[in-house]
Amino acid sequence: MEPSQRTGLIIMLVSAFQFVIFFWAVTRRSYLALALPVLSALAAVSALAFWIGWTMFTGEEEELEEMSEPPAPDEA
């Protein structure tokens, strides 16, 4: 697994975990009037973080081309 894929996987896991923990905490209390807007914002941020992690995880590593010879200087 490439380092960028590992980072993407960690981002996905952390965003999903923090959303589940927050959702669990919201359901245990009766302050939904305050928690629903915060829950909506957190869901949007979590979805964005998960999407970034997914993109990093599924992306392919770019290979850099090595320059074998320097470019020839212009002859005037």
PDB file of N, CA and C in Angstrom:
ATOM      1  N   MET A   1       0.858  -1.174   0.000  1.00  0.00           N
ATOM      2  CA  MET A   1       0.000   0.000   0.000  1.00  0.00           C
ATOM      3  C   MET A   1       0.900   1.231   0.000  1.00  0.00           C
ATOM      4  N   GLU A   2       0.600   2.140  -0.899  1.00  0.00           N
ATOM      5  CA  GLU A   2       1.380   3.368  -1.036  1.00  0.00           C
ATOM      6  C   GLU A   2       1.103   4.300   0.152  1.00  0.00           C
ATOM      7  N   PRO A   3       2.027   5.211   0.457  1.00  0.00           N
ATOM      8  CA  PRO A   3       1.807   6.141   1.573  1.00  0.00           C
ATOM      9  C   PRO A   3       0.560   7.009   1.400  1.00  0.00           C
ATOM     10  N   SER A   4       0.276   7.453   0.172  1.00  0.00           N
ATOM     11  CA  SER A   4      -0.923   8.282  -0.022  1.00  0.00           C
ATOM     12  C   SER A   4      -2.188   7.453   0.180  1.00  0.00           C
ATOM     13  N   GLN A   5      -2.150   6.186  -0.186  1.00  0.00           N
ATOM     14  CA  GLN A   5      -3.304   5.317   0.035  1.00  0.00           C
ATOM     15  C   GLN A   5      -3.502   5.074   1.530  1.00  0.00           C
ATOM     16  N   ARG A   6      -2.422   4.906   2.255  1.00  0.00           N
ATOM     17  CA  ARG A   6      -2.508   4.703   3.705  1.00  0.00           C
ATOM     18  C   ARG A   6      -3.092   5.949   4.370  1.00  0.00           C
ATOM     19  N   THR A   7      -2.649   7.118   3.924  1.00  0.00           N
ATOM     20  CA  THR A   7      -3.177   8.372   4.466  1.00  0.00           C
ATOM     21  C   THR A   7      -4.662   8.507   4.160  1.00  0.00           C
ATOM     22  N   GLY A   8      -5.057   8.162   2.936  1.00  0.00           N
ATOM     23  CA  GLY A   8      -6.473   8.216   2.574  1.00  0.00           C
ATOM     24  C   GLY A   8      -7.313   7.286   3.415  1.00  0.00           C
ATOM     25  N   LEU A   9      -6.803   6.089   3.671  1.00  0.00           N
ATOM     26  CA  LEU A   9      -7.529   5.128   4.502  1.00  0.00           C
ATOM     27  C   LEU A   9      -7.687   5.648   5.924  1.00  0.00           C
ATOM     28  N   ILE A  10      -6.645   6.253   6.464  1.00  0.00           N
ATOM     29  CA  ILE A  10      -6.722   6.814   7.817  1.00  0.00           C
ATOM     30  C   ILE A  10      -7.742   7.945   7.866  1.00  0.00           C
ATOM     31  N   ILE A  11      -7.752   8.819   6.848  1.00  0.00           N
ATOM     32  CA  ILE A  11      -8.723   9.915   6.811  1.00  0.00           C
ATOM     33  C   ILE A  11     -10.145   9.365   6.768  1.00  0.00           C
ATOM     34  N   MET A  12     -10.381   8.343   5.947  1.00  0.00           N
ATOM     35  CA  MET A  12     -11.721   7.754   5.867  1.00  0.00           C
ATOM     36  C   MET A  12     -12.145   7.166   7.207  1.00  0.00           C
ATOM     37  N   LEU A  13     -11.253   6.417   7.851  1.00  0.00           N
ATOM     38  CA  LEU A  13     -11.597   5.783   9.122  1.00  0.00           C
ATOM     39  C   LEU A  13     -11.875   6.809  10.214  1.00  0.00           C
ATOM     40  N   VAL A  14     -11.044   7.839  10.299  1.00  0.00           N
ATOM     41  CA  VAL A  14     -11.232   8.863  11.331  1.00  0.00           C
ATOM     42  C   VAL A  14     -12.518   9.645  11.100  1.00  0.00           C
ATOM     43  N   SER A  15     -12.814  10.008   9.855  1.00  0.00           N
ATOM     44  CA  SER A  15     -14.032  10.782   9.593  1.00  0.00           C
ATOM     45  C   SER A  15     -15.277   9.955   9.887  1.00  0.00           C
ATOM     46  N   ALA A  16     -15.278   8.688   9.524  1.00  0.00           N
ATOM     47  CA  ALA A  16     -16.430   7.828   9.818  1.00  0.00           C
ATOM     48  C   ALA A  16     -16.566   7.617  11.327  1.00  0.00           C
ATOM     49  N   PHE A  17     -15.457   7.399  12.021  1.00  0.00           N
ATOM     50  CA  PHE A  17     -15.493   7.156  13.466  1.00  0.00           C
ATOM     51  C   PHE A  17     -16.002   8.370  14.223  1.00  0.00           C
ATOM     52  N   GLN A  18     -15.497   9.564  13.887  1.00  0.00           N
ATOM     53  CA  GLN A  18     -15.939  10.746  14.628  1.00  0.00           C
ATOM     54  C   GLN A  18     -17.395  11.062  14.348  1.00  0.00           C
ATOM     55  N   PHE A  19     -17.889  10.772  13.143  1.00  0.00           N
ATOM     56  CA  PHE A  19     -19.296  11.009  12.858  1.00  0.00           C
ATOM     57  C   PHE A  19     -20.174  10.046  13.649  1.00  0.00           C
ATOM     58  N   VAL A  20     -19.785   8.782  13.731  1.00  0.00           N
ATOM     59  CA  VAL A  20     -20.563   7.795  14.497  1.00  0.00           C
ATOM     60  C   VAL A  20     -20.584   8.157  15.973  1.00  0.00           C
ATOM     61  N   ILE A  21     -19.447   8.567  16.514  1.00  0.00           N
ATOM     62  CA  ILE A  21     -19.394   8.964  17.930  1.00  0.00           C
ATOM     63  C   ILE A  21     -20.282  10.170  18.194  1.00  0.00           C
ATOM     64  N   PHE A  22     -20.239  11.170  17.317  1.00  0.00           N
ATOM     65  CA  PHE A  22     -21.080  12.345  17.514  1.00  0.00           C
ATOM     66  C   PHE A  22     -22.555  11.987  17.391  1.00  0.00           C
ATOM     67  N   PHE A  23     -22.912  11.165  16.402  1.00  0.00           N
ATOM     68  CA  PHE A  23     -24.305  10.774  16.231  1.00  0.00           C
ATOM     69  C   PHE A  23     -24.807   9.997  17.447  1.00  0.00           C
ATOM     70  N   TRP A  24     -23.968   9.136  17.976  1.00  0.00           N
ATOM     71  CA  TRP A  24     -24.330   8.385  19.178  1.00  0.00           C
ATOM     72  C   TRP A  24     -24.562   9.338  20.349  1.00  0.00           C
ATOM     73  N   ALA A  25     -23.700  10.357  20.499  1.00  0.00           N
ATOM     74  CA  ALA A  25     -23.853  11.314  21.595  1.00  0.00           C
ATOM     75  C   ALA A  25     -25.118  12.153  21.439  1.00  0.00           C
ATOM     76  N   VAL A  26     -25.482  12.490  20.211  1.00  0.00           N
ATOM     77  CA  VAL A  26     -26.691  13.288  19.978  1.00  0.00           C
ATOM     78  C   VAL A  26     -27.932  12.502  20.386  1.00  0.00           C
ATOM     79  N   THR A  27     -27.960  11.223  20.096  1.00  0.00           N
ATOM     80  CA  THR A  27     -29.150  10.423  20.403  1.00  0.00           C
ATOM     81  C   THR A  27     -29.316  10.165  21.895  1.00  0.00           C
ATOM     82  N   ARG A  28     -28.311  10.396  22.687  1.00  0.00           N
ATOM     83  CA  ARG A  28     -28.406  10.142  24.126  1.00  0.00           C
ATOM     84  C   ARG A  28     -28.945  11.337  24.909  1.00  0.00           C
ATOM     85  N   ARG A  29     -29.000  12.498  24.314  1.00  0.00           N
ATOM     86  CA  ARG A  29     -29.472  13.696  25.022  1.00  0.00           C
ATOM     87  C   ARG A  29     -30.705  14.265  24.330  1.00  0.00           C
ATOM     88  N   SER A  30     -31.340  15.247  24.980  1.00  0.00           N
ATOM     89  CA  SER A  30     -32.537  15.847  24.403  1.00  0.00           C
ATOM     90  C   SER A  30     -32.278  17.288  23.963  1.00  0.00           C
ATOM     91  N   TYR A  31     -31.178  17.573  23.393  1.00  0.00           N
ATOM     92  CA  TYR A  31     -30.869  18.918  22.919  1.00  0.00           C
ATOM     93  C   TYR A  31     -30.795  18.935  21.396  1.00  0.00           C
ATOM     94  N   LEU A  32     -31.748  18.310  20.744  1.00  0.00           N
ATOM     95  CA  LEU A  32     -31.741  18.176  19.301  1.00  0.00           C
ATOM     96  C   LEU A  32     -31.892  19.515  18.572  1.00  0.00           C
ATOM     97  N   ALA A  33     -32.544  20.508  19.194  1.00  0.00           N
ATOM     98  CA  ALA A  33     -32.696  21.805  18.532  1.00  0.00           C
ATOM     99  C   ALA A  33     -31.340  22.452  18.267  1.00  0.00           C
ATOM    100  N   LEU A  34     -30.403  22.253  19.146  1.00  0.00           N
ATOM    101  CA  LEU A  34     -29.055  22.766  18.952  1.00  0.00           C
ATOM    102  C   LEU A  34     -28.197  21.782  18.162  1.00  0.00           C
ATOM    103  N   ALA A  35     -28.411  20.506  18.394  1.00  0.00           N
ATOM    104  CA  ALA A  35     -27.533  19.490  17.809  1.00  0.00           C
ATOM    105  C   ALA A  35     -27.815  19.234  16.329  1.00  0.00           C
ATOM    106  N   LEU A  36     -29.042  19.433  15.877  1.00  0.00           N
ATOM    107  CA  LEU A  36     -29.341  19.143  14.476  1.00  0.00           C
ATOM    108  C   LEU A  36     -28.571  20.020  13.488  1.00  0.00           C
ATOM    109  N   PRO A  37     -28.469  21.342  13.708  1.00  0.00           N
ATOM    110  CA  PRO A  37     -27.632  22.125  12.785  1.00  0.00           C
ATOM    111  C   PRO A  37     -26.156  21.730  12.852  1.00  0.00           C
ATOM    112  N   VAL A  38     -25.675  21.458  14.038  1.00  0.00           N
ATOM    113  CA  VAL A  38     -24.290  21.030  14.190  1.00  0.00           C
ATOM    114  C   VAL A  38     -24.094  19.666  13.537  1.00  0.00           C
ATOM    115  N   LEU A  39     -25.071  18.786  13.699  1.00  0.00           N
ATOM    116  CA  LEU A  39     -24.998  17.467  13.079  1.00  0.00           C
ATOM    117  C   LEU A  39     -24.968  17.585  11.552  1.00  0.00           C
ATOM    118  N   SER A  40     -25.748  18.490  11.009  1.00  0.00           N
ATOM    119  CA  SER A  40     -25.752  18.688   9.559  1.00  0.00           C
ATOM    120  C   SER A  40     -24.401  19.194   9.060  1.00  0.00           C
ATOM    121  N   ALA A  41     -23.829  20.146   9.761  1.00  0.00           N
ATOM    122  CA  ALA A  41     -22.511  20.671   9.374  1.00  0.00           C
ATOM    123  C   ALA A  41     -21.441  19.600   9.513  1.00  0.00           C
ATOM    124  N   LEU A  42     -21.504  18.842  10.600  1.00  0.00           N
ATOM    125  CA  LEU A  42     -20.528  17.781  10.810  1.00  0.00           C
ATOM    126  C   LEU A  42     -20.670  16.687   9.763  1.00  0.00           C
ATOM    127  N   ALA A  43     -21.888  16.393   9.360  1.00  0.00           N
ATOM    128  CA  ALA A  43     -22.101  15.393   8.317  1.00  0.00           C
ATOM    129  C   ALA A  43     -21.486  15.852   6.999  1.00  0.00           C
ATOM    130  N   ALA A  44     -21.626  17.130   6.683  1.00  0.00           N
ATOM    131  CA  ALA A  44     -21.044  17.659   5.448  1.00  0.00           C
ATOM    132  C   ALA A  44     -19.518  17.604   5.494  1.00  0.00           C
ATOM    133  N   VAL A  45     -18.938  17.996   6.619  1.00  0.00           N
ATOM    134  CA  VAL A  45     -17.480  17.951   6.755  1.00  0.00           C
ATOM    135  C   VAL A  45     -16.981  16.514   6.735  1.00  0.00           C
ATOM    136  N   SER A  46     -17.689  15.612   7.391  1.00  0.00           N
ATOM    137  CA  SER A  46     -17.295  14.202   7.404  1.00  0.00           C
ATOM    138  C   SER A  46     -17.381  13.601   6.002  1.00  0.00           C
ATOM    139  N   ALA A  47     -18.430  13.940   5.276  1.00  0.00           N
ATOM    140  CA  ALA A  47     -18.565  13.426   3.914  1.00  0.00           C
ATOM    141  C   ALA A  47     -17.435  13.955   3.026  1.00  0.00           C
ATOM    142  N   LEU A  48     -17.083  15.205   3.186  1.00  0.00           N
ATOM    143  CA  LEU A  48     -15.982  15.775   2.409  1.00  0.00           C
ATOM    144  C   LEU A  48     -14.662  15.100   2.768  1.00  0.00           C
ATOM    145  N   ALA A  49     -14.419  14.904   4.055  1.00  0.00           N
ATOM    146  CA  ALA A  49     -13.182  14.242   4.480  1.00  0.00           C
ATOM    147  C   ALA A  49     -13.146  12.801   3.981  1.00  0.00           C
ATOM    148  N   PHE A  50     -14.278  12.115   4.030  1.00  0.00           N
ATOM    149  CA  PHE A  50     -14.330  10.739   3.540  1.00  0.00           C
ATOM    150  C   PHE A  50     -14.057  10.701   2.041  1.00  0.00           C
ATOM    151  N   TRP A  51     -14.604  11.647   1.299  1.00  0.00           N
ATOM    152  CA  TRP A  51     -14.391  11.709  -0.148  1.00  0.00           C
ATOM    153  C   TRP A  51     -12.916  11.963  -0.472  1.00  0.00           C
ATOM    154  N   ILE A  52     -12.284  12.865   0.275  1.00  0.00           N
ATOM    155  CA  ILE A  52     -10.861  13.125   0.068  1.00  0.00           C
ATOM    156  C   ILE A  52     -10.054  11.869   0.370  1.00  0.00           C
ATOM    157  N   GLY A  53     -10.379  11.189   1.467  1.00  0.00           N
ATOM    158  CA  GLY A  53      -9.690   9.952   1.814  1.00  0.00           C
ATOM    159  C   GLY A  53      -9.889   8.882   0.756  1.00  0.00           C
ATOM    160  N   TRP A  54     -11.115   8.760   0.251  1.00  0.00           N
ATOM    161  CA  TRP A  54     -11.407   7.765  -0.790  1.00  0.00           C
ATOM    162  C   TRP A  54     -10.612   8.061  -2.066  1.00  0.00           C
ATOM    163  N   THR A  55     -10.542   9.334  -2.420  1.00  0.00           N
ATOM    164  CA  THR A  55      -9.791   9.725  -3.604  1.00  0.00           C
ATOM    165  C   THR A  55      -8.309   9.405  -3.440  1.00  0.00           C
ATOM    166  N   MET A  56      -7.782   9.667  -2.263  1.00  0.00           N
ATOM    167  CA  MET A  56      -6.377   9.347  -2.020  1.00  0.00           C
ATOM    168  C   MET A  56      -6.143   7.846  -1.990  1.00  0.00           C
ATOM    169  N   PHE A  57      -7.088   7.106  -1.430  1.00  0.00           N
ATOM    170  CA  PHE A  57      -6.931   5.663  -1.294  1.00  0.00           C
ATOM    171  C   PHE A  57      -7.003   4.956  -2.646  1.00  0.00           C
ATOM    172  N   THR A  58      -7.895   5.401  -3.510  1.00  0.00           N
ATOM    173  CA  THR A  58      -8.085   4.725  -4.789  1.00  0.00           C
ATOM    174  C   THR A  58      -7.219   5.294  -5.904  1.00  0.00           C
ATOM    175  N   GLY A  59      -6.542   6.403  -5.652  1.00  0.00           N
ATOM    176  CA  GLY A  59      -5.709   7.004  -6.683  1.00  0.00           C
ATOM    177  C   GLY A  59      -4.459   6.173  -6.935  1.00  0.00           C
ATOM    178  N   GLU A  60      -3.948   6.307  -8.141  1.00  0.00           N
ATOM    179  CA  GLU A  60      -2.731   5.598  -8.493  1.00  0.00           C
ATOM    180  C   GLU A  60      -1.537   6.514  -8.287  1.00  0.00           C
ATOM    181  N   GLU A  61      -0.437   5.910  -7.891  1.00  0.00           N
ATOM    182  CA  GLU A  61       0.788   6.663  -7.655  1.00  0.00           C
ATOM    183  C   GLU A  61       1.375   7.113  -8.991  1.00  0.00           C
ATOM    184  N   GLU A  62       1.760   8.364  -9.062  1.00  0.00           N
ATOM    185  CA  GLU A  62       2.369   8.882 -10.280  1.00  0.00           C
ATOM    186  C   GLU A  62       3.851   8.544 -10.271  1.00  0.00           C
ATOM    187  N   GLU A  63       4.347   8.143 -11.416  1.00  0.00           N
ATOM    188  CA  GLU A  63       5.762   7.858 -11.531  1.00  0.00           C
ATOM    189  C   GLU A  63       6.449   9.061 -12.169  1.00  0.00           C
ATOM    190  N   LEU A  64       7.531   9.461 -11.573  1.00  0.00           N
ATOM    191  CA  LEU A  64       8.283  10.590 -12.105  1.00  0.00           C
ATOM    192  C   LEU A  64       9.297  10.074 -13.110  1.00  0.00           C
ATOM    193  N   GLU A  65       9.358  10.745 -14.228  1.00  0.00           N
ATOM    194  CA  GLU A  65      10.326  10.361 -15.244  1.00  0.00           C
ATOM    195  C   GLU A  65      11.673  10.980 -14.895  1.00  0.00           C
ATOM    196  N   GLU A  66      12.688  10.160 -14.959  1.00  0.00           N
ATOM    197  CA  GLU A  66      14.022  10.677 -14.702  1.00  0.00           C
ATOM    198  C   GLU A  66      14.576  11.269 -15.985  1.00  0.00           C
ATOM    199  N   MET A  67      15.280  12.336 -15.827  1.00  0.00           N
ATOM    200  CA  MET A  67      15.895  12.963 -16.993  1.00  0.00           C
ATOM    201  C   MET A  67      17.228  12.273 -17.238  1.00  0.00           C
ATOM    202  N   SER A  68      17.344  11.565 -18.346  1.00  0.00           N
ATOM    203  CA  SER A  68      18.576  10.841 -18.637  1.00  0.00           C
ATOM    204  C   SER A  68      19.658  11.769 -19.161  1.00  0.00           C
ATOM    205  N   GLU A  69      19.284  12.743 -19.945  1.00  0.00           N
ATOM    206  CA  GLU A  69      20.246  13.692 -20.494  1.00  0.00           C
ATOM    207  C   GLU A  69      19.697  15.096 -20.361  1.00  0.00           C
ATOM    208  N   PRO A  70      20.560  16.036 -20.057  1.00  0.00           N
ATOM    209  CA  PRO A  70      20.080  17.428 -20.023  1.00  0.00           C
ATOM    210  C   PRO A  70      19.760  17.888 -21.439  1.00  0.00           C
ATOM    211  N   PRO A  71      18.862  18.824 -21.598  1.00  0.00           N
ATOM    212  CA  PRO A  71      18.538  19.297 -22.932  1.00  0.00           C
ATOM    213  C   PRO A  71      19.753  19.930 -23.606  1.00  0.00           C
ATOM    214  N   ALA A  72      19.863  19.740 -24.907  1.00  0.00           N
ATOM    215  CA  ALA A  72      20.985  20.295 -25.664  1.00  0.00           C
ATOM    216  C   ALA A  72      20.843  21.796 -25.784  1.00  0.00           C
ATOM    217  N   PRO A  73      21.947  22.529 -25.617  1.00  0.00           N
ATOM    218  CA  PRO A  73      21.854  23.997 -25.751  1.00  0.00           C
ATOM    219  C   PRO A  73      21.672  24.368 -27.218  1.00  0.00           C
ATOM    220  N   ASP A  74      21.022  25.480 -27.420  1.00  0.00           N
ATOM    221  CA  ASP A  74      20.808  25.969 -28.788  1.00  0.00           C
ATOM    222  C   ASP A  74      22.130  26.450 -29.382  1.00  0.00           C
ATOM    223  N   GLU A  75      22.386  26.010 -30.586  1.00  0.00           N
ATOM    224  CA  GLU A  75      23.606  26.444 -31.264  1.00  0.00           C
ATOM    225  C   GLU A  75      23.250  27.537 -32.255  1.00  0.00           C
ATOM    226  N   ALA A  76      23.912  28.664 -32.125  1.00  0.00           N
ATOM    227  CA  ALA A  76      23.622  29.786 -33.024  1.00  0.00           C
ATOM    228  C   ALA A  76      24.678  29.974 -34.067  1.00  0.00           C
TER     229      ALA A  76
END
